Amino acid sequence: MQCTCGGETKDSMSISKLHDLRWEFVICKSCGRIDMDILFNYSRTKIILKGYQARLFYREQTINRKNSNEDEE
């Protein structure tokens, strides 16, 4: 595929077994644009979200929160 910037794109994914999530997307090698986001469960049997919301949800669920205990106090 080709990005709107003219660059070549490649299929990519990020997996979190801990959260039972698999985020698949297409990324442009030139400009870094991410498109065609789809969030599945880890085994890829259920689509959870599509589009930008899939990306936001995946990031929210998998972010490393070192100070999470401080937030609770």
PDB file of N, CA and C in Angstrom:
ATOM      1  N   MET A   1       0.838  -1.182   0.000  1.00  0.00           N
ATOM      2  CA  MET A   1       0.000   0.000   0.000  1.00  0.00           C
ATOM      3  C   MET A   1       0.880   1.240   0.000  1.00  0.00           C
ATOM      4  N   GLN A   2       0.238   2.365  -0.275  1.00  0.00           N
ATOM      5  CA  GLN A   2       0.976   3.612  -0.309  1.00  0.00           C
ATOM      6  C   GLN A   2       0.250   4.638   0.552  1.00  0.00           C
ATOM      7  N   CYS A   3       1.027   5.392   1.330  1.00  0.00           N
ATOM      8  CA  CYS A   3       0.502   6.443   2.204  1.00  0.00           C
ATOM      9  C   CYS A   3       0.135   7.665   1.358  1.00  0.00           C
ATOM     10  N   THR A   4      -0.659   8.552   1.918  1.00  0.00           N
ATOM     11  CA  THR A   4      -1.001   9.783   1.211  1.00  0.00           C
ATOM     12  C   THR A   4       0.220  10.667   0.987  1.00  0.00           C
ATOM     13  N   CYS A   5       1.292  10.478   1.777  1.00  0.00           N
ATOM     14  CA  CYS A   5       2.529  11.243   1.583  1.00  0.00           C
ATOM     15  C   CYS A   5       3.359  10.672   0.438  1.00  0.00           C
ATOM     16  N   GLY A   6       2.974   9.503  -0.072  1.00  0.00           N
ATOM     17  CA  GLY A   6       3.705   8.860  -1.149  1.00  0.00           C
ATOM     18  C   GLY A   6       4.634   7.761  -0.678  1.00  0.00           C
ATOM     19  N   GLY A   7       4.790   7.622   0.631  1.00  0.00           N
ATOM     20  CA  GLY A   7       5.682   6.613   1.193  1.00  0.00           C
ATOM     21  C   GLY A   7       5.066   5.226   1.219  1.00  0.00           C
ATOM     22  N   GLU A   8       5.919   4.243   1.395  1.00  0.00           N
ATOM     23  CA  GLU A   8       5.489   2.843   1.469  1.00  0.00           C
ATOM     24  C   GLU A   8       4.975   2.541   2.873  1.00  0.00           C
ATOM     25  N   THR A   9       3.937   1.719   2.968  1.00  0.00           N
ATOM     26  CA  THR A   9       3.396   1.334   4.271  1.00  0.00           C
ATOM     27  C   THR A   9       3.675  -0.137   4.535  1.00  0.00           C
ATOM     28  N   LYS A  10       3.608  -0.509   5.816  1.00  0.00           N
ATOM     29  CA  LYS A  10       3.769  -1.917   6.178  1.00  0.00           C
ATOM     30  C   LYS A  10       2.777  -2.271   7.272  1.00  0.00           C
ATOM     31  N   ASP A  11       2.338  -3.520   7.253  1.00  0.00           N
ATOM     32  CA  ASP A  11       1.453  -4.023   8.297  1.00  0.00           C
ATOM     33  C   ASP A  11       2.268  -4.240   9.558  1.00  0.00           C
ATOM     34  N   SER A  12       1.670  -3.905  10.693  1.00  0.00           N
ATOM     35  CA  SER A  12       2.365  -4.070  11.961  1.00  0.00           C
ATOM     36  C   SER A  12       1.357  -4.439  13.041  1.00  0.00           C
ATOM     37  N   MET A  13       1.869  -4.853  14.194  1.00  0.00           N
ATOM     38  CA  MET A  13       0.985  -5.195  15.307  1.00  0.00           C
ATOM     39  C   MET A  13       1.719  -5.032  16.631  1.00  0.00           C
ATOM     40  N   SER A  14       0.949  -4.892  17.673  1.00  0.00           N
ATOM     41  CA  SER A  14       1.464  -4.859  19.031  1.00  0.00           C
ATOM     42  C   SER A  14       0.566  -5.766  19.859  1.00  0.00           C
ATOM     43  N   ILE A  15       1.184  -6.626  20.669  1.00  0.00           N
ATOM     44  CA  ILE A  15       0.435  -7.629  21.420  1.00  0.00           C
ATOM     45  C   ILE A  15       0.695  -7.480  22.909  1.00  0.00           C
ATOM     46  N   SER A  16      -0.366  -7.605  23.695  1.00  0.00           N
ATOM     47  CA  SER A  16      -0.257  -7.640  25.147  1.00  0.00           C
ATOM     48  C   SER A  16      -1.032  -8.861  25.642  1.00  0.00           C
ATOM     49  N   LYS A  17      -0.307  -9.935  25.942  1.00  0.00           N
ATOM     50  CA  LYS A  17      -0.962 -11.138  26.467  1.00  0.00           C
ATOM     51  C   LYS A  17      -1.572 -10.859  27.832  1.00  0.00           C
ATOM     52  N   LEU A  18      -0.900 -10.023  28.614  1.00  0.00           N
ATOM     53  CA  LEU A  18      -1.381  -9.686  29.950  1.00  0.00           C
ATOM     54  C   LEU A  18      -2.788  -9.087  29.908  1.00  0.00           C
ATOM     55  N   HIS A  19      -3.049  -8.247  28.910  1.00  0.00           N
ATOM     56  CA  HIS A  19      -4.345  -7.585  28.790  1.00  0.00           C
ATOM     57  C   HIS A  19      -5.258  -8.243  27.754  1.00  0.00           C
ATOM     58  N   ASP A  20      -4.819  -9.367  27.167  1.00  0.00           N
ATOM     59  CA  ASP A  20      -5.580 -10.096  26.150  1.00  0.00           C
ATOM     60  C   ASP A  20      -5.946  -9.184  24.976  1.00  0.00           C
ATOM     61  N   LEU A  21      -4.934  -8.423  24.482  1.00  0.00           N
ATOM     62  CA  LEU A  21      -5.167  -7.481  23.393  1.00  0.00           C
ATOM     63  C   LEU A  21      -4.168  -7.681  22.261  1.00  0.00           C
ATOM     64  N   ARG A  22      -4.641  -7.445  21.047  1.00  0.00           N
ATOM     65  CA  ARG A  22      -3.797  -7.493  19.848  1.00  0.00           C
ATOM     66  C   ARG A  22      -4.220  -6.319  18.971  1.00  0.00           C
ATOM     67  N   TRP A  23      -3.317  -5.331  18.811  1.00  0.00           N
ATOM     68  CA  TRP A  23      -3.591  -4.134  18.022  1.00  0.00           C
ATOM     69  C   TRP A  23      -2.875  -4.263  16.680  1.00  0.00           C
ATOM     70  N   GLU A  24      -3.623  -4.302  15.604  1.00  0.00           N
ATOM     71  CA  GLU A  24      -3.049  -4.395  14.265  1.00  0.00           C
ATOM     72  C   GLU A  24      -3.287  -3.073  13.550  1.00  0.00           C
ATOM     73  N   PHE A  25      -2.279  -2.626  12.799  1.00  0.00           N
ATOM     74  CA  PHE A  25      -2.360  -1.339  12.127  1.00  0.00           C
ATOM     75  C   PHE A  25      -1.409  -1.309  10.939  1.00  0.00           C
ATOM     76  N   VAL A  26      -1.527  -0.271  10.132  1.00  0.00           N
ATOM     77  CA  VAL A  26      -0.638  -0.037   8.994  1.00  0.00           C
ATOM     78  C   VAL A  26       0.127   1.240   9.298  1.00  0.00           C
ATOM     79  N   ILE A  27       1.458   1.216   9.126  1.00  0.00           N
ATOM     80  CA  ILE A  27       2.284   2.381   9.424  1.00  0.00           C
ATOM     81  C   ILE A  27       3.105   2.768   8.197  1.00  0.00           C
ATOM     82  N   CYS A  28       3.234   4.063   7.973  1.00  0.00           N
ATOM     83  CA  CYS A  28       4.020   4.572   6.855  1.00  0.00           C
ATOM     84  C   CYS A  28       5.487   4.616   7.263  1.00  0.00           C
ATOM     85  N   LYS A  29       6.355   4.055   6.429  1.00  0.00           N
ATOM     86  CA  LYS A  29       7.790   4.039   6.719  1.00  0.00           C
ATOM     87  C   LYS A  29       8.412   5.427   6.590  1.00  0.00           C
ATOM     88  N   SER A  30       7.784   6.328   5.835  1.00  0.00           N
ATOM     89  CA  SER A  30       8.335   7.666   5.622  1.00  0.00           C
ATOM     90  C   SER A  30       7.888   8.670   6.682  1.00  0.00           C
ATOM     91  N   CYS A  31       6.587   8.834   6.845  1.00  0.00           N
ATOM     92  CA  CYS A  31       6.086   9.885   7.745  1.00  0.00           C
ATOM     93  C   CYS A  31       5.624   9.361   9.101  1.00  0.00           C
ATOM     94  N   GLY A  32       5.467   8.038   9.258  1.00  0.00           N
ATOM     95  CA  GLY A  32       5.064   7.467  10.537  1.00  0.00           C
ATOM     96  C   GLY A  32       3.567   7.463  10.785  1.00  0.00           C
ATOM     97  N   ARG A  33       2.797   7.872   9.804  1.00  0.00           N
ATOM     98  CA  ARG A  33       1.340   7.897   9.952  1.00  0.00           C
ATOM     99  C   ARG A  33       0.815   6.485  10.213  1.00  0.00           C
ATOM    100  N   ILE A  34      -0.122   6.377  11.152  1.00  0.00           N
ATOM    101  CA  ILE A  34      -0.742   5.092  11.479  1.00  0.00           C
ATOM    102  C   ILE A  34      -2.183   5.120  10.977  1.00  0.00           C
ATOM    103  N   ASP A  35      -2.610   4.029  10.353  1.00  0.00           N
ATOM    104  CA  ASP A  35      -3.950   3.962   9.780  1.00  0.00           C
ATOM    105  C   ASP A  35      -4.479   2.535   9.907  1.00  0.00           C
ATOM    106  N   MET A  36      -5.760   2.378   9.668  1.00  0.00           N
ATOM    107  CA  MET A  36      -6.421   1.066   9.667  1.00  0.00           C
ATOM    108  C   MET A  36      -6.225   0.316  10.989  1.00  0.00           C
ATOM    109  N   ASP A  37      -6.433   1.010  12.097  1.00  0.00           N
ATOM    110  CA  ASP A  37      -6.298   0.395  13.424  1.00  0.00           C
ATOM    111  C   ASP A  37      -7.445  -0.579  13.676  1.00  0.00           C
ATOM    112  N   ILE A  38      -7.115  -1.767  14.153  1.00  0.00           N
ATOM    113  CA  ILE A  38      -8.122  -2.739  14.594  1.00  0.00           C
ATOM    114  C   ILE A  38      -7.602  -3.377  15.876  1.00  0.00           C
ATOM    115  N   LEU A  39      -8.427  -3.392  16.900  1.00  0.00           N
ATOM    116  CA  LEU A  39      -8.069  -3.994  18.180  1.00  0.00           C
ATOM    117  C   LEU A  39      -8.865  -5.278  18.357  1.00  0.00           C
ATOM    118  N   PHE A  40      -8.137  -6.380  18.510  1.00  0.00           N
ATOM    119  CA  PHE A  40      -8.730  -7.699  18.717  1.00  0.00           C
ATOM    120  C   PHE A  40      -8.407  -8.176  20.128  1.00  0.00           C
ATOM    121  N   ASN A  41      -9.087  -9.255  20.542  1.00  0.00           N
ATOM    122  CA  ASN A  41      -8.597  -9.984  21.704  1.00  0.00           C
ATOM    123  C   ASN A  41      -7.334 -10.714  21.245  1.00  0.00           C
ATOM    124  N   TYR A  42      -6.544 -11.235  22.175  1.00  0.00           N
ATOM    125  CA  TYR A  42      -5.245 -11.823  21.827  1.00  0.00           C
ATOM    126  C   TYR A  42      -5.358 -12.935  20.791  1.00  0.00           C
ATOM    127  N   SER A  43      -6.360 -13.789  20.913  1.00  0.00           N
ATOM    128  CA  SER A  43      -6.504 -14.923  19.995  1.00  0.00           C
ATOM    129  C   SER A  43      -7.120 -14.528  18.647  1.00  0.00           C
ATOM    130  N   ARG A  44      -7.449 -13.266  18.502  1.00  0.00           N
ATOM    131  CA  ARG A  44      -7.977 -12.697  17.254  1.00  0.00           C
ATOM    132  C   ARG A  44      -9.321 -13.303  16.857  1.00  0.00           C
ATOM    133  N   THR A  45     -10.138 -13.612  17.835  1.00  0.00           N
ATOM    134  CA  THR A  45     -11.462 -14.166  17.561  1.00  0.00           C
ATOM    135  C   THR A  45     -12.569 -13.130  17.727  1.00  0.00           C
ATOM    136  N   LYS A  46     -12.231 -11.959  18.292  1.00  0.00           N
ATOM    137  CA  LYS A  46     -13.241 -10.934  18.540  1.00  0.00           C
ATOM    138  C   LYS A  46     -12.652  -9.553  18.252  1.00  0.00           C
ATOM    139  N   ILE A  47     -13.351  -8.758  17.445  1.00  0.00           N
ATOM    140  CA  ILE A  47     -12.953  -7.372  17.212  1.00  0.00           C
ATOM    141  C   ILE A  47     -13.499  -6.539  18.362  1.00  0.00           C
ATOM    142  N   ILE A  48     -12.618  -5.796  19.019  1.00  0.00           N
ATOM    143  CA  ILE A  48     -13.025  -4.969  20.154  1.00  0.00           C
ATOM    144  C   ILE A  48     -13.353  -3.548  19.698  1.00  0.00           C
ATOM    145  N   LEU A  49     -12.433  -2.926  18.968  1.00  0.00           N
ATOM    146  CA  LEU A  49     -12.629  -1.564  18.462  1.00  0.00           C
ATOM    147  C   LEU A  49     -11.927  -1.404  17.123  1.00  0.00           C
ATOM    148  N   LYS A  50     -12.357  -0.400  16.367  1.00  0.00           N
ATOM    149  CA  LYS A  50     -11.699  -0.053  15.105  1.00  0.00           C
ATOM    150  C   LYS A  50     -11.389   1.435  15.103  1.00  0.00           C
ATOM    151  N   GLY A  51     -10.408   1.825  14.278  1.00  0.00           N
ATOM    152  CA  GLY A  51     -10.081   3.231  14.106  1.00  0.00           C
ATOM    153  C   GLY A  51      -9.260   3.796  15.251  1.00  0.00           C
ATOM    154  N   TYR A  52      -9.288   5.116  15.348  1.00  0.00           N
ATOM    155  CA  TYR A  52      -8.475   5.825  16.338  1.00  0.00           C
ATOM    156  C   TYR A  52      -8.811   5.400  17.767  1.00  0.00           C
ATOM    157  N   GLN A  53     -10.063   5.074  18.031  1.00  0.00           N
ATOM    158  CA  GLN A  53     -10.470   4.637  19.366  1.00  0.00           C
ATOM    159  C   GLN A  53      -9.760   3.349  19.768  1.00  0.00           C
ATOM    160  N   ALA A  54      -9.472   2.485  18.810  1.00  0.00           N
ATOM    161  CA  ALA A  54      -8.730   1.246  19.091  1.00  0.00           C
ATOM    162  C   ALA A  54      -7.333   1.574  19.591  1.00  0.00           C
ATOM    163  N   ARG A  55      -6.678   2.524  18.939  1.00  0.00           N
ATOM    164  CA  ARG A  55      -5.329   2.942  19.331  1.00  0.00           C
ATOM    165  C   ARG A  55      -5.328   3.542  20.734  1.00  0.00           C
ATOM    166  N   LEU A  56      -6.275   4.425  20.999  1.00  0.00           N
ATOM    167  CA  LEU A  56      -6.344   5.062  22.315  1.00  0.00           C
ATOM    168  C   LEU A  56      -6.610   4.044  23.418  1.00  0.00           C
ATOM    169  N   PHE A  57      -7.528   3.119  23.177  1.00  0.00           N
ATOM    170  CA  PHE A  57      -7.861   2.107  24.178  1.00  0.00           C
ATOM    171  C   PHE A  57      -6.665   1.209  24.458  1.00  0.00           C
ATOM    172  N   TYR A  58      -5.960   0.776  23.405  1.00  0.00           N
ATOM    173  CA  TYR A  58      -4.788  -0.087  23.583  1.00  0.00           C
ATOM    174  C   TYR A  58      -3.726   0.622  24.419  1.00  0.00           C
ATOM    175  N   ARG A  59      -3.450   1.872  24.083  1.00  0.00           N
ATOM    176  CA  ARG A  59      -2.442   2.634  24.834  1.00  0.00           C
ATOM    177  C   ARG A  59      -2.856   2.812  26.287  1.00  0.00           C
ATOM    178  N   GLU A  60      -4.126   3.111  26.511  1.00  0.00           N
ATOM    179  CA  GLU A  60      -4.629   3.311  27.872  1.00  0.00           C
ATOM    180  C   GLU A  60      -4.488   2.043  28.712  1.00  0.00           C
ATOM    181  N   GLN A  61      -4.772   0.897  28.114  1.00  0.00           N
ATOM    182  CA  GLN A  61      -4.727  -0.369  28.839  1.00  0.00           C
ATOM    183  C   GLN A  61      -3.311  -0.866  29.091  1.00  0.00           C
ATOM    184  N   THR A  62      -2.381  -0.557  28.200  1.00  0.00           N
ATOM    185  CA  THR A  62      -1.047  -1.151  28.286  1.00  0.00           C
ATOM    186  C   THR A  62       0.029  -0.201  28.791  1.00  0.00           C
ATOM    187  N   ILE A  63      -0.309   1.039  29.096  1.00  0.00           N
ATOM    188  CA  ILE A  63       0.698   1.995  29.555  1.00  0.00           C
ATOM    189  C   ILE A  63       1.285   1.531  30.892  1.00  0.00           C
ATOM    190  N   ASN A  64       2.585   1.730  31.045  1.00  0.00           N
ATOM    191  CA  ASN A  64       3.271   1.347  32.280  1.00  0.00           C
ATOM    192  C   ASN A  64       3.063   2.451  33.309  1.00  0.00           C
ATOM    193  N   ARG A  65       2.292   2.182  34.315  1.00  0.00           N
ATOM    194  CA  ARG A  65       1.994   3.193  35.339  1.00  0.00           C
ATOM    195  C   ARG A  65       2.794   2.897  36.593  1.00  0.00           C
ATOM    196  N   LYS A  66       4.007   3.425  36.638  1.00  0.00           N
ATOM    197  CA  LYS A  66       4.898   3.181  37.768  1.00  0.00           C
ATOM    198  C   LYS A  66       4.380   3.827  39.045  1.00  0.00           C
ATOM    199  N   ASN A  67       3.686   4.952  38.913  1.00  0.00           N
ATOM    200  CA  ASN A  67       3.231   5.690  40.082  1.00  0.00           C
ATOM    201  C   ASN A  67       1.755   5.453  40.378  1.00  0.00           C
ATOM    202  N   SER A  68       1.220   4.319  40.006  1.00  0.00           N
ATOM    203  CA  SER A  68      -0.204   4.070  40.217  1.00  0.00           C
ATOM    204  C   SER A  68      -0.559   4.020  41.697  1.00  0.00           C
ATOM    205  N   ASN A  69       0.362   3.596  42.552  1.00  0.00           N
ATOM    206  CA  ASN A  69       0.097   3.570  43.987  1.00  0.00           C
ATOM    207  C   ASN A  69      -0.005   4.971  44.555  1.00  0.00           C
ATOM    208  N   GLU A  70       0.759   5.915  44.022  1.00  0.00           N
ATOM    209  CA  GLU A  70       0.701   7.291  44.492  1.00  0.00           C
ATOM    210  C   GLU A  70      -0.628   7.931  44.136  1.00  0.00           C
ATOM    211  N   ASP A  71      -1.208   7.549  43.008  1.00  0.00           N
ATOM    212  CA  ASP A  71      -2.486   8.104  42.584  1.00  0.00           C
ATOM    213  C   ASP A  71      -3.611   7.705  43.528  1.00  0.00           C
ATOM    214  N   GLU A  72      -3.497   6.546  44.149  1.00  0.00           N
ATOM    215  CA  GLU A  72      -4.554   6.044  45.021  1.00  0.00           C
ATOM    216  C   GLU A  72      -4.547   6.714  46.386  1.00  0.00           C
ATOM    217  N   GLU A  73      -3.425   7.282  46.782  1.00  0.00           N
ATOM    218  CA  GLU A  73      -3.323   7.881  48.124  1.00  0.00           C
ATOM    219  C   GLU A  73      -3.980   9.223  48.216  1.00  0.00           C
TER     220      GLU A  73
END
